């Protein structure tokens, strides 16, 4: 859910999201890349891609990566 600062939080990592109204749900699609150690996080709202950010795999702290 997007907070008042237009950010979402995943495992204590804040990611900024633009183009989404406050307190609306955003769907995430995360694509990890073991070779580079980065994961591409894609933000979807109302079936539209509204943003992409790259984050270190360790920062997301998701055990299945």
PDB file of N, CA and C in Angstrom:
ATOM      1  N   UNK A   1       0.847  -1.163   0.000  1.00  0.00           N
ATOM      2  CA  UNK A   1       0.000   0.000   0.000  1.00  0.00           C
ATOM      3  C   UNK A   1       0.903   1.238   0.000  1.00  0.00           C
ATOM      4  N   UNK A   2       0.571   2.223  -0.798  1.00  0.00           N
ATOM      5  CA  UNK A   2       1.367   3.437  -0.940  1.00  0.00           C
ATOM      6  C   UNK A   2       1.089   4.359   0.253  1.00  0.00           C
ATOM      7  N   UNK A   3       2.170   4.811   0.927  1.00  0.00           N
ATOM      8  CA  UNK A   3       1.981   5.695   2.068  1.00  0.00           C
ATOM      9  C   UNK A   3       1.913   7.160   1.634  1.00  0.00           C
ATOM     10  N   UNK A   4       1.846   8.064   2.580  1.00  0.00           N
ATOM     11  CA  UNK A   4       1.692   9.496   2.287  1.00  0.00           C
ATOM     12  C   UNK A   4       2.903  10.087   1.568  1.00  0.00           C
ATOM     13  N   UNK A   5       4.044   9.415   1.644  1.00  0.00           N
ATOM     14  CA  UNK A   5       5.252   9.892   0.971  1.00  0.00           C
ATOM     15  C   UNK A   5       5.450   9.222  -0.384  1.00  0.00           C
ATOM     16  N   UNK A   6       4.419   8.540  -0.867  1.00  0.00           N
ATOM     17  CA  UNK A   6       4.452   7.821  -2.149  1.00  0.00           C
ATOM     18  C   UNK A   6       5.528   6.742  -2.155  1.00  0.00           C
ATOM     19  N   UNK A   7       5.608   6.008  -1.036  1.00  0.00           N
ATOM     20  CA  UNK A   7       6.576   4.930  -0.911  1.00  0.00           C
ATOM     21  C   UNK A   7       5.889   3.676  -0.405  1.00  0.00           C
ATOM     22  N   UNK A   8       6.508   2.536  -0.718  1.00  0.00           N
ATOM     23  CA  UNK A   8       6.082   1.265  -0.150  1.00  0.00           C
ATOM     24  C   UNK A   8       7.286   0.669   0.571  1.00  0.00           C
ATOM     25  N   UNK A   9       7.036  -0.277   1.448  1.00  0.00           N
ATOM     26  CA  UNK A   9       8.102  -0.882   2.221  1.00  0.00           C
ATOM     27  C   UNK A   9       8.085  -2.394   2.039  1.00  0.00           C
ATOM     28  N   UNK A  10       9.277  -2.940   1.750  1.00  0.00           N
ATOM     29  CA  UNK A  10       9.455  -4.391   1.640  1.00  0.00           C
ATOM     30  C   UNK A  10      10.659  -4.743   2.497  1.00  0.00           C
ATOM     31  N   UNK A  11      10.454  -5.531   3.531  1.00  0.00           N
ATOM     32  CA  UNK A  11      11.553  -5.962   4.408  1.00  0.00           C
ATOM     33  C   UNK A  11      12.423  -4.787   4.858  1.00  0.00           C
ATOM     34  N   UNK A  12      11.806  -3.744   5.343  1.00  0.00           N
ATOM     35  CA  UNK A  12      12.486  -2.537   5.832  1.00  0.00           C
ATOM     36  C   UNK A  12      13.238  -1.776   4.747  1.00  0.00           C
ATOM     37  N   UNK A  13      12.952  -2.039   3.500  1.00  0.00           N
ATOM     38  CA  UNK A  13      13.519  -1.288   2.384  1.00  0.00           C
ATOM     39  C   UNK A  13      12.394  -0.479   1.752  1.00  0.00           C
ATOM     40  N   UNK A  14      12.564   0.846   1.702  1.00  0.00           N
ATOM     41  CA  UNK A  14      11.527   1.702   1.123  1.00  0.00           C
ATOM     42  C   UNK A  14      11.820   1.959  -0.348  1.00  0.00           C
ATOM     43  N   UNK A  15      10.777   1.840  -1.161  1.00  0.00           N
ATOM     44  CA  UNK A  15      10.870   2.091  -2.596  1.00  0.00           C
ATOM     45  C   UNK A  15       9.839   3.152  -2.954  1.00  0.00           C
ATOM     46  N   UNK A  16      10.254   4.121  -3.748  1.00  0.00           N
ATOM     47  CA  UNK A  16       9.319   5.184  -4.120  1.00  0.00           C
ATOM     48  C   UNK A  16       8.509   4.773  -5.344  1.00  0.00           C
ATOM     49  N   UNK A  17       7.232   5.170  -5.329  1.00  0.00           N
ATOM     50  CA  UNK A  17       6.298   4.836  -6.395  1.00  0.00           C
ATOM     51  C   UNK A  17       5.597   6.120  -6.812  1.00  0.00           C
ATOM     52  N   UNK A  18       5.615   6.429  -8.089  1.00  0.00           N
ATOM     53  CA  UNK A  18       4.905   7.619  -8.562  1.00  0.00           C
ATOM     54  C   UNK A  18       3.731   7.198  -9.435  1.00  0.00           C
ATOM     55  N   UNK A  19       2.759   8.059  -9.544  1.00  0.00           N
ATOM     56  CA  UNK A  19       1.615   7.793 -10.405  1.00  0.00           C
ATOM     57  C   UNK A  19       0.543   6.926  -9.779  1.00  0.00           C
ATOM     58  N   UNK A  20       0.597   6.744  -8.460  1.00  0.00           N
ATOM     59  CA  UNK A  20      -0.397   5.928  -7.759  1.00  0.00           C
ATOM     60  C   UNK A  20      -1.016   6.780  -6.657  1.00  0.00           C
ATOM     61  N   UNK A  21      -2.339   6.807  -6.548  1.00  0.00           N
ATOM     62  CA  UNK A  21      -2.978   7.566  -5.466  1.00  0.00           C
ATOM     63  C   UNK A  21      -2.590   7.022  -4.090  1.00  0.00           C
ATOM     64  N   UNK A  22      -2.680   7.872  -3.091  1.00  0.00           N
ATOM     65  CA  UNK A  22      -2.343   7.481  -1.730  1.00  0.00           C
ATOM     66  C   UNK A  22      -3.215   6.338  -1.241  1.00  0.00           C
ATOM     67  N   UNK A  23      -2.620   5.469  -0.447  1.00  0.00           N
ATOM     68  CA  UNK A  23      -3.283   4.339   0.203  1.00  0.00           C
ATOM     69  C   UNK A  23      -3.937   3.348  -0.763  1.00  0.00           C
ATOM     70  N   UNK A  24      -3.424   3.273  -1.949  1.00  0.00           N
ATOM     71  CA  UNK A  24      -3.897   2.292  -2.925  1.00  0.00           C
ATOM     72  C   UNK A  24      -2.912   1.131  -2.977  1.00  0.00           C
ATOM     73  N   UNK A  25      -3.426  -0.028  -3.317  1.00  0.00           N
ATOM     74  CA  UNK A  25      -2.578  -1.213  -3.419  1.00  0.00           C
ATOM     75  C   UNK A  25      -1.822  -1.213  -4.748  1.00  0.00           C
ATOM     76  N   UNK A  26      -0.581  -1.640  -4.661  1.00  0.00           N
ATOM     77  CA  UNK A  26       0.289  -1.756  -5.821  1.00  0.00           C
ATOM     78  C   UNK A  26       0.732  -3.214  -5.898  1.00  0.00           C
ATOM     79  N   UNK A  27       0.679  -3.790  -7.067  1.00  0.00           N
ATOM     80  CA  UNK A  27       1.144  -5.159  -7.260  1.00  0.00           C
ATOM     81  C   UNK A  27       2.600  -5.121  -7.689  1.00  0.00           C
ATOM     82  N   UNK A  28       3.386  -6.030  -7.114  1.00  0.00           N
ATOM     83  CA  UNK A  28       4.810  -6.087  -7.414  1.00  0.00           C
ATOM     84  C   UNK A  28       5.125  -7.357  -8.179  1.00  0.00           C
ATOM     85  N   UNK A  29       6.005  -7.208  -9.141  1.00  0.00           N
ATOM     86  CA  UNK A  29       6.569  -8.364  -9.841  1.00  0.00           C
ATOM     87  C   UNK A  29       8.073  -8.224  -9.715  1.00  0.00           C
ATOM     88  N   UNK A  30       8.679  -9.188  -9.057  1.00  0.00           N
ATOM     89  CA  UNK A  30      10.103  -9.110  -8.748  1.00  0.00           C
ATOM     90  C   UNK A  30      10.846 -10.145  -9.584  1.00  0.00           C
ATOM     91  N   UNK A  31      11.865  -9.668 -10.312  1.00  0.00           N
ATOM     92  CA  UNK A  31      12.664 -10.536 -11.170  1.00  0.00           C
ATOM     93  C   UNK A  31      14.106 -10.494 -10.666  1.00  0.00           C
ATOM     94  N   UNK A  32      14.556 -11.547  -9.976  1.00  0.00           N
ATOM     95  CA  UNK A  32      15.923 -11.550  -9.458  1.00  0.00           C
ATOM     96  C   UNK A  32      16.931 -11.936 -10.534  1.00  0.00           C
ATOM     97  N   UNK A  33      18.140 -11.411 -10.398  1.00  0.00           N
ATOM     98  CA  UNK A  33      19.238 -11.764 -11.288  1.00  0.00           C
ATOM     99  C   UNK A  33      20.419 -12.142 -10.405  1.00  0.00           C
ATOM    100  N   UNK A  34      20.701 -13.429 -10.320  1.00  0.00           N
ATOM    101  CA  UNK A  34      21.776 -13.901  -9.438  1.00  0.00           C
ATOM    102  C   UNK A  34      23.147 -13.437  -9.921  1.00  0.00           C
ATOM    103  N   UNK A  35      23.296 -13.312 -11.223  1.00  0.00           N
ATOM    104  CA  UNK A  35      24.594 -12.932 -11.777  1.00  0.00           C
ATOM    105  C   UNK A  35      25.005 -11.524 -11.335  1.00  0.00           C
ATOM    106  N   UNK A  36      24.088 -10.568 -11.425  1.00  0.00           N
ATOM    107  CA  UNK A  36      24.415  -9.187 -11.044  1.00  0.00           C
ATOM    108  C   UNK A  36      24.130  -8.913  -9.571  1.00  0.00           C
ATOM    109  N   UNK A  37      23.336  -9.765  -8.926  1.00  0.00           N
ATOM    110  CA  UNK A  37      22.998  -9.553  -7.523  1.00  0.00           C
ATOM    111  C   UNK A  37      21.899  -8.520  -7.321  1.00  0.00           C
ATOM    112  N   UNK A  38      21.224  -8.139  -8.415  1.00  0.00           N
ATOM    113  CA  UNK A  38      20.153  -7.158  -8.342  1.00  0.00           C
ATOM    114  C   UNK A  38      18.817  -7.789  -8.710  1.00  0.00           C
ATOM    115  N   UNK A  39      17.774  -7.257  -8.143  1.00  0.00           N
ATOM    116  CA  UNK A  39      16.421  -7.686  -8.490  1.00  0.00           C
ATOM    117  C   UNK A  39      15.694  -6.491  -9.088  1.00  0.00           C
ATOM    118  N   UNK A  40      14.956  -6.739 -10.154  1.00  0.00           N
ATOM    119  CA  UNK A  40      14.157  -5.686 -10.767  1.00  0.00           C
ATOM    120  C   UNK A  40      12.747  -5.767 -10.195  1.00  0.00           C
ATOM    121  N   UNK A  41      12.324  -4.689  -9.544  1.00  0.00           N
ATOM    122  CA  UNK A  41      10.993  -4.633  -8.947  1.00  0.00           C
ATOM    123  C   UNK A  41      10.123  -3.784  -9.863  1.00  0.00           C
ATOM    124  N   UNK A  42       9.037  -4.385 -10.350  1.00  0.00           N
ATOM    125  CA  UNK A  42       8.121  -3.682 -11.251  1.00  0.00           C
ATOM    126  C   UNK A  42       6.831  -3.391 -10.488  1.00  0.00           C
ATOM    127  N   UNK A  43       6.371  -2.152 -10.573  1.00  0.00           N
ATOM    128  CA  UNK A  43       5.170  -1.716  -9.873  1.00  0.00           C
ATOM    129  C   UNK A  43       4.005  -1.644 -10.854  1.00  0.00           C
ATOM    130  N   UNK A  44       2.911  -2.316 -10.525  1.00  0.00           N
ATOM    131  CA  UNK A  44       1.728  -2.349 -11.374  1.00  0.00           C
ATOM    132  C   UNK A  44       0.537  -1.800 -10.606  1.00  0.00           C
ATOM    133  N   UNK A  45      -0.219  -0.924 -11.257  1.00  0.00           N
ATOM    134  CA  UNK A  45      -1.438  -0.371 -10.676  1.00  0.00           C
ATOM    135  C   UNK A  45      -2.499  -0.310 -11.770  1.00  0.00           C
ATOM    136  N   UNK A  46      -3.658  -0.886 -11.517  1.00  0.00           N
ATOM    137  CA  UNK A  46      -4.749  -0.952 -12.501  1.00  0.00           C
ATOM    138  C   UNK A  46      -4.278  -1.540 -13.830  1.00  0.00           C
ATOM    139  N   UNK A  47      -3.541  -2.630 -13.747  1.00  0.00           N
ATOM    140  CA  UNK A  47      -3.034  -3.346 -14.927  1.00  0.00           C
ATOM    141  C   UNK A  47      -2.121  -2.503 -15.802  1.00  0.00           C
ATOM    142  N   UNK A  48      -1.483  -1.501 -15.230  1.00  0.00           N
ATOM    143  CA  UNK A  48      -0.520  -0.671 -15.963  1.00  0.00           C
ATOM    144  C   UNK A  48       0.793  -0.631 -15.197  1.00  0.00           C
ATOM    145  N   UNK A  49       1.886  -0.704 -15.930  1.00  0.00           N
ATOM    146  CA  UNK A  49       3.208  -0.587 -15.339  1.00  0.00           C
ATOM    147  C   UNK A  49       3.452   0.875 -14.989  1.00  0.00           C
ATOM    148  N   UNK A  50       3.665   1.158 -13.702  1.00  0.00           N
ATOM    149  CA  UNK A  50       3.839   2.550 -13.270  1.00  0.00           C
ATOM    150  C   UNK A  50       5.267   2.848 -12.837  1.00  0.00           C
ATOM    151  N   UNK A  51       6.119   1.829 -12.742  1.00  0.00           N
ATOM    152  CA  UNK A  51       7.500   2.102 -12.358  1.00  0.00           C
ATOM    153  C   UNK A  51       8.328   0.841 -12.251  1.00  0.00           C
ATOM    154  N   UNK A  52       9.656   1.051 -12.337  1.00  0.00           N
ATOM    155  CA  UNK A  52      10.621  -0.038 -12.214  1.00  0.00           C
ATOM    156  C   UNK A  52      11.788   0.477 -11.386  1.00  0.00           C
ATOM    157  N   UNK A  53      12.254  -0.355 -10.456  1.00  0.00           N
ATOM    158  CA  UNK A  53      13.448  -0.023  -9.681  1.00  0.00           C
ATOM    159  C   UNK A  53      14.302  -1.266  -9.533  1.00  0.00           C
ATOM    160  N   UNK A  54      15.610  -1.064  -9.445  1.00  0.00           N
ATOM    161  CA  UNK A  54      16.532  -2.169  -9.196  1.00  0.00           C
ATOM    162  C   UNK A  54      17.009  -2.071  -7.753  1.00  0.00           C
ATOM    163  N   UNK A  55      17.005  -3.232  -7.083  1.00  0.00           N
ATOM    164  CA  UNK A  55      17.352  -3.312  -5.673  1.00  0.00           C
ATOM    165  C   UNK A  55      18.270  -4.510  -5.478  1.00  0.00           C
ATOM    166  N   UNK A  56      19.192  -4.417  -4.525  1.00  0.00           N
ATOM    167  CA  UNK A  56      20.044  -5.566  -4.214  1.00  0.00           C
ATOM    168  C   UNK A  56      19.190  -6.705  -3.679  1.00  0.00           C
ATOM    169  N   UNK A  57      19.530  -7.911  -4.079  1.00  0.00           N
ATOM    170  CA  UNK A  57      18.791  -9.092  -3.613  1.00  0.00           C
ATOM    171  C   UNK A  57      18.826  -9.204  -2.089  1.00  0.00           C
ATOM    172  N   UNK A  58      19.957  -8.868  -1.474  1.00  0.00           N
ATOM    173  CA  UNK A  58      20.081  -8.958  -0.027  1.00  0.00           C
ATOM    174  C   UNK A  58      19.153  -7.982   0.685  1.00  0.00           C
ATOM    175  N   UNK A  59      18.902  -6.815   0.091  1.00  0.00           N
ATOM    176  CA  UNK A  59      18.041  -5.807   0.716  1.00  0.00           C
ATOM    177  C   UNK A  59      16.590  -6.272   0.789  1.00  0.00           C
ATOM    178  N   UNK A  60      16.164  -7.077  -0.166  1.00  0.00           N
ATOM    179  CA  UNK A  60      14.786  -7.562  -0.152  1.00  0.00           C
ATOM    180  C   UNK A  60      14.604  -8.684   0.858  1.00  0.00           C
ATOM    181  N   UNK A  61      15.672  -9.416   1.155  1.00  0.00           N
ATOM    182  CA  UNK A  61      15.637 -10.461   2.176  1.00  0.00           C
ATOM    183  C   UNK A  61      14.521 -11.479   1.921  1.00  0.00           C
ATOM    184  N   UNK A  62      14.404 -11.910   0.677  1.00  0.00           N
ATOM    185  CA  UNK A  62      13.435 -12.934   0.313  1.00  0.00           C
ATOM    186  C   UNK A  62      14.206 -14.243   0.162  1.00  0.00           C
ATOM    187  N   UNK A  63      13.876 -15.266   0.964  1.00  0.00           N
ATOM    188  CA  UNK A  63      14.721 -16.476   1.019  1.00  0.00           C
ATOM    189  C   UNK A  63      14.760 -17.302  -0.255  1.00  0.00           C
ATOM    190  N   UNK A  64      13.810 -17.182  -1.166  1.00  0.00           N
ATOM    191  CA  UNK A  64      13.780 -18.025  -2.350  1.00  0.00           C
ATOM    192  C   UNK A  64      14.589 -17.484  -3.517  1.00  0.00           C
ATOM    193  N   UNK A  65      15.323 -16.410  -3.319  1.00  0.00           N
ATOM    194  CA  UNK A  65      16.118 -15.868  -4.433  1.00  0.00           C
ATOM    195  C   UNK A  65      17.348 -16.701  -4.628  1.00  0.00           C
TER     196      UNK A  65
END
